[in-house]
Amino acid sequence: MEISEVQIFPIRQTASLVAFGSFLANNFLRISGLGIHTTKDGKLRIVFPAKRVGNGYVYYCQPLNKEVSEKIELAFFEKAKEIGLFDL
């Protein structure tokens, strides 16, 4: 899977949420509405958009395996470093 056109939209920090993000998958599908959080140890965490249903969540989209998830996280990590958004 090719990840391109990674965008990060900073917000005023609320708890761990510091930005929203989007990316282009394989040059034909834009995925947006990702929450970008920082963990207590200062690492970046990506949360895919979901809707609360009962006691759980229904995800609008999400990676189907660890390899794709890591590729997306790496793309956001690199973009965050590039724009100087996080001190990672």
C-alpha atoms as a PDB file:
ATOM      1  CA  MET A   1       0.000   0.000   0.000  1.00  0.00           C
ATOM      2  CA  GLU A   2       1.334   3.401  -0.965  1.00  0.00           C
ATOM      3  CA  ILE A   3       0.752   6.239   1.527  1.00  0.00           C
ATOM      4  CA  SER A   4       1.045   9.780   0.162  1.00  0.00           C
ATOM      5  CA  GLU A   5      -0.241  13.327   0.627  1.00  0.00           C
ATOM      6  CA  VAL A   6      -0.147  13.055   4.412  1.00  0.00           C
ATOM      7  CA  GLN A   7      -1.736  16.127   5.977  1.00  0.00           C
ATOM      8  CA  ILE A   8      -1.762  17.165   9.624  1.00  0.00           C
ATOM      9  CA  PHE A   9      -4.177  19.780  10.963  1.00  0.00           C
ATOM     10  CA  PRO A  10      -3.104  20.934  14.451  1.00  0.00           C
ATOM     11  CA  ILE A  11      -5.760  21.850  17.013  1.00  0.00           C
ATOM     12  CA  ARG A  12      -5.656  23.311  20.483  1.00  0.00           C
ATOM     13  CA  GLN A  13      -4.673  20.312  22.568  1.00  0.00           C
ATOM     14  CA  THR A  14      -7.492  18.618  24.463  1.00  0.00           C
ATOM     15  CA  ALA A  15      -6.212  15.802  26.673  1.00  0.00           C
ATOM     16  CA  SER A  16      -4.004  13.763  24.332  1.00  0.00           C
ATOM     17  CA  LEU A  17      -5.598  14.868  21.020  1.00  0.00           C
ATOM     18  CA  VAL A  18      -3.298  17.354  19.281  1.00  0.00           C
ATOM     19  CA  ALA A  19      -4.291  17.200  15.602  1.00  0.00           C
ATOM     20  CA  PHE A  20      -6.403  15.610  12.922  1.00  0.00           C
ATOM     21  CA  GLY A  21      -4.955  14.030   9.817  1.00  0.00           C
ATOM     22  CA  SER A  22      -5.614  12.599   6.396  1.00  0.00           C
ATOM     23  CA  PHE A  23      -3.723  10.688   3.725  1.00  0.00           C
ATOM     24  CA  LEU A  24      -4.090   9.309   0.233  1.00  0.00           C
ATOM     25  CA  ALA A  25      -4.014   5.513  -0.139  1.00  0.00           C
ATOM     26  CA  ASN A  26      -2.704   4.071  -3.410  1.00  0.00           C
ATOM     27  CA  ASN A  27      -3.344   7.408  -5.157  1.00  0.00           C
ATOM     28  CA  PHE A  28      -7.097   6.841  -5.317  1.00  0.00           C
ATOM     29  CA  LEU A  29      -8.661   6.877  -1.837  1.00  0.00           C
ATOM     30  CA  ARG A  30      -8.476   9.770   0.654  1.00  0.00           C
ATOM     31  CA  ILE A  31      -8.738   8.693   4.298  1.00  0.00           C
ATOM     32  CA  SER A  32      -9.526  11.570   6.638  1.00  0.00           C
ATOM     33  CA  GLY A  33     -10.745  12.240  10.151  1.00  0.00           C
ATOM     34  CA  LEU A  34      -7.837  10.454  11.859  1.00  0.00           C
ATOM     35  CA  GLY A  35      -7.140  11.617  15.387  1.00  0.00           C
ATOM     36  CA  ILE A  36      -3.494  12.256  16.204  1.00  0.00           C
ATOM     37  CA  HIS A  37      -2.695  11.797  19.863  1.00  0.00           C
ATOM     38  CA  THR A  38       0.435  11.902  21.973  1.00  0.00           C
ATOM     39  CA  THR A  39       1.028   9.235  24.565  1.00  0.00           C
ATOM     40  CA  LYS A  40       2.317   9.889  28.096  1.00  0.00           C
ATOM     41  CA  ASP A  41       5.822   9.041  26.916  1.00  0.00           C
ATOM     42  CA  GLY A  42       5.561  11.537  24.017  1.00  0.00           C
ATOM     43  CA  LYS A  43       5.009   9.105  21.168  1.00  0.00           C
ATOM     44  CA  LEU A  44       2.593   9.583  18.306  1.00  0.00           C
ATOM     45  CA  ARG A  45      -0.616   7.524  18.191  1.00  0.00           C
ATOM     46  CA  ILE A  46      -3.061   7.448  15.266  1.00  0.00           C
ATOM     47  CA  VAL A  47      -6.754   6.753  15.940  1.00  0.00           C
ATOM     48  CA  PHE A  48      -9.033   5.937  13.032  1.00  0.00           C
ATOM     49  CA  PRO A  49     -12.521   7.492  12.859  1.00  0.00           C
ATOM     50  CA  ALA A  50     -15.236   5.524  14.641  1.00  0.00           C
ATOM     51  CA  LYS A  51     -18.775   5.859  15.921  1.00  0.00           C
ATOM     52  CA  ARG A  52     -19.810   4.686  19.369  1.00  0.00           C
ATOM     53  CA  VAL A  53     -22.526   2.031  19.122  1.00  0.00           C
ATOM     54  CA  GLY A  54     -23.793   0.566  22.381  1.00  0.00           C
ATOM     55  CA  ASN A  55     -20.789  -0.461  24.438  1.00  0.00           C
ATOM     56  CA  GLY A  56     -18.400  -0.581  21.491  1.00  0.00           C
ATOM     57  CA  TYR A  57     -17.272   1.226  18.374  1.00  0.00           C
ATOM     58  CA  VAL A  58     -17.850   0.801  14.665  1.00  0.00           C
ATOM     59  CA  TYR A  59     -14.840   1.982  12.655  1.00  0.00           C
ATOM     60  CA  TYR A  60     -15.432   3.816   9.398  1.00  0.00           C
ATOM     61  CA  CYS A  61     -12.075   2.597   8.155  1.00  0.00           C
ATOM     62  CA  GLN A  62      -9.047   0.935   9.695  1.00  0.00           C
ATOM     63  CA  PRO A  63      -5.945  -1.007   8.654  1.00  0.00           C
ATOM     64  CA  LEU A  64      -6.518  -4.735   8.344  1.00  0.00           C
ATOM     65  CA  ASN A  65      -3.065  -5.782   9.458  1.00  0.00           C
ATOM     66  CA  LYS A  66      -0.093  -4.593  11.493  1.00  0.00           C
ATOM     67  CA  GLU A  67       2.097  -3.976   8.422  1.00  0.00           C
ATOM     68  CA  VAL A  68      -0.341  -1.428   6.960  1.00  0.00           C
ATOM     69  CA  SER A  69      -0.923   0.160  10.360  1.00  0.00           C
ATOM     70  CA  GLU A  70       2.821   0.634  10.887  1.00  0.00           C
ATOM     71  CA  LYS A  71       3.230   2.101   7.399  1.00  0.00           C
ATOM     72  CA  ILE A  72       0.516   4.692   8.086  1.00  0.00           C
ATOM     73  CA  GLU A  73       1.975   5.535  11.509  1.00  0.00           C
ATOM     74  CA  LEU A  74       5.452   5.964  10.006  1.00  0.00           C
ATOM     75  CA  ALA A  75       4.101   8.315   7.310  1.00  0.00           C
ATOM     76  CA  PHE A  76       2.449  10.482   9.986  1.00  0.00           C
ATOM     77  CA  PHE A  77       5.546  10.370  12.203  1.00  0.00           C
ATOM     78  CA  GLU A  78       7.711  11.591   9.310  1.00  0.00           C
ATOM     79  CA  LYS A  79       5.257  14.376   8.433  1.00  0.00           C
ATOM     80  CA  ALA A  80       5.048  15.492  12.081  1.00  0.00           C
ATOM     81  CA  LYS A  81       8.857  15.703  12.254  1.00  0.00           C
ATOM     82  CA  GLU A  82       8.976  17.528   8.907  1.00  0.00           C
ATOM     83  CA  ILE A  83       6.627  20.284  10.044  1.00  0.00           C
ATOM     84  CA  GLY A  84       8.073  20.435  13.566  1.00  0.00           C
ATOM     85  CA  LEU A  85       4.726  19.722  15.182  1.00  0.00           C
ATOM     86  CA  PHE A  86       5.845  17.240  17.820  1.00  0.00           C
ATOM     87  CA  ASP A  87       9.032  16.907  19.783  1.00  0.00           C
ATOM     88  CA  LEU A  88       9.439  13.200  19.077  1.00  0.00           C
END
